[in-house]
């Protein structure tokens, strides 16, 4: 199901969406880090924030991997587009000779 939904949007829009989610995770991680440093927390509160920090770090790692994969796919698509454009120009040039 997720794959079908993913195929319906462009790679560039997917990249933008993941970059937004990654930025959101970074902001949340900064907030959690700040609270861990500045707030006086109970042991339970500290463990909860540490757990949230680990969760955010794992999410960011997954988003970064997916972003790397999408950027590679985007470069591949750009190369195919350029090759097709070059082929059309070459055919047009040969046709007009």
Protein backbone atom coordinates (compact mmCIF):
# COMPACT_ATOMS: atom_id res chain seq x y z
CA UNK A 1 0.00 0.00 0.00
CA UNK A 2 2.75 2.46 0.94
CA UNK A 3 4.64 1.60 -2.23
CA UNK A 4 1.60 2.38 -4.43
CA UNK A 5 1.11 5.72 -2.72
CA UNK A 6 4.82 6.48 -3.10
CA UNK A 7 4.74 5.80 -6.83
CA UNK A 8 1.96 8.34 -7.38
CA UNK A 9 4.02 11.35 -6.31
CA UNK A 10 7.18 12.62 -7.95
CA UNK A 11 10.60 11.88 -6.57
CA UNK A 12 11.22 15.60 -6.03
CA UNK A 13 8.06 15.95 -3.91
CA UNK A 14 9.03 12.87 -1.95
CA UNK A 15 12.46 14.35 -1.31
CA UNK A 16 10.87 17.60 -0.12
CA UNK A 17 8.53 15.72 2.21
CA UNK A 18 11.31 13.67 3.75
CA UNK A 19 13.50 16.76 4.16
CA UNK A 20 10.63 18.44 6.05
CA UNK A 21 10.17 15.40 8.30
CA UNK A 22 13.93 15.23 8.88
CA UNK A 23 14.02 18.92 9.84
CA UNK A 24 11.10 18.35 12.21
CA UNK A 25 12.97 15.47 13.84
CA UNK A 26 16.09 17.62 14.19
CA UNK A 27 14.09 20.36 15.90
CA UNK A 28 12.45 17.85 18.23
CA UNK A 29 15.84 16.31 19.01
CA UNK A 30 17.28 19.73 19.86
CA UNK A 31 14.32 20.36 22.16
CA UNK A 32 14.77 16.99 23.89
CA UNK A 33 18.52 17.61 24.27
CA UNK A 34 17.84 21.03 25.75
CA UNK A 35 15.36 19.58 28.24
CA UNK A 36 17.82 16.84 29.21
CA UNK A 37 20.52 19.43 29.91
CA UNK A 38 18.50 22.21 31.53
CA UNK A 39 15.51 20.66 33.29
CA UNK A 40 15.70 18.98 36.65
CA UNK A 41 14.11 15.63 35.91
CA UNK A 42 13.12 12.60 37.87
CA UNK A 43 14.79 9.34 36.95
CA UNK A 44 11.61 8.27 35.16
CA UNK A 45 11.42 11.57 33.26
CA UNK A 46 15.05 11.32 32.22
CA UNK A 47 14.57 7.74 30.99
CA UNK A 48 11.51 8.81 29.04
CA UNK A 49 13.41 11.64 27.36
CA UNK A 50 16.36 9.34 26.61
CA UNK A 51 13.94 6.88 25.02
CA UNK A 52 12.41 9.69 22.94
CA UNK A 53 15.89 10.86 21.95
CA UNK A 54 16.82 7.36 20.76
CA UNK A 55 13.56 7.09 18.84
CA UNK A 56 14.16 10.43 17.11
CA UNK A 57 17.74 9.46 16.28
CA UNK A 58 16.54 6.19 14.71
CA UNK A 59 13.87 8.04 12.72
CA UNK A 60 16.44 10.53 11.47
CA UNK A 61 18.73 7.71 10.42
CA UNK A 62 15.92 6.04 8.43
CA UNK A 63 14.95 9.35 6.81
CA UNK A 64 18.57 10.05 5.84
CA UNK A 65 18.91 6.61 4.23
CA UNK A 66 15.65 7.06 2.35
CA UNK A 67 16.70 10.55 1.28
CA UNK A 68 20.01 9.21 -0.03
CA UNK A 69 18.16 6.54 -2.00
CA UNK A 70 15.69 9.06 -3.46
CA UNK A 71 18.45 11.46 -4.46
CA UNK A 72 20.20 8.61 -6.25
CA UNK A 73 16.97 7.77 -8.04
CA UNK A 74 16.51 11.44 -8.94
CA UNK A 75 20.03 11.62 -10.43
CA UNK A 76 19.33 8.46 -12.42
CA UNK A 77 16.09 9.96 -13.76
CA UNK A 78 17.91 13.16 -14.71
CA UNK A 79 20.55 11.18 -16.61
CA UNK A 80 17.88 9.25 -18.51
CA UNK A 81 16.11 12.51 -19.37
CA UNK A 82 19.35 14.02 -20.62
CA UNK A 83 20.11 10.92 -22.70
CA UNK A 84 16.66 11.03 -24.29
CA UNK A 85 17.01 14.75 -25.01
CA UNK A 86 20.43 14.15 -26.58
CA UNK A 87 18.98 11.32 -28.70
CA UNK A 88 16.14 13.53 -29.94
CA UNK A 89 18.61 16.32 -30.81
CA UNK A 90 20.86 13.84 -32.61
CA UNK A 91 17.93 12.42 -34.61
CA UNK A 92 16.75 15.93 -35.48
CA UNK A 93 20.27 16.93 -36.53
CA UNK A 94 20.66 13.82 -38.71
CA UNK A 95 17.19 14.33 -40.19
CA UNK A 96 17.90 17.92 -41.25
CA UNK A 97 21.22 17.09 -42.89
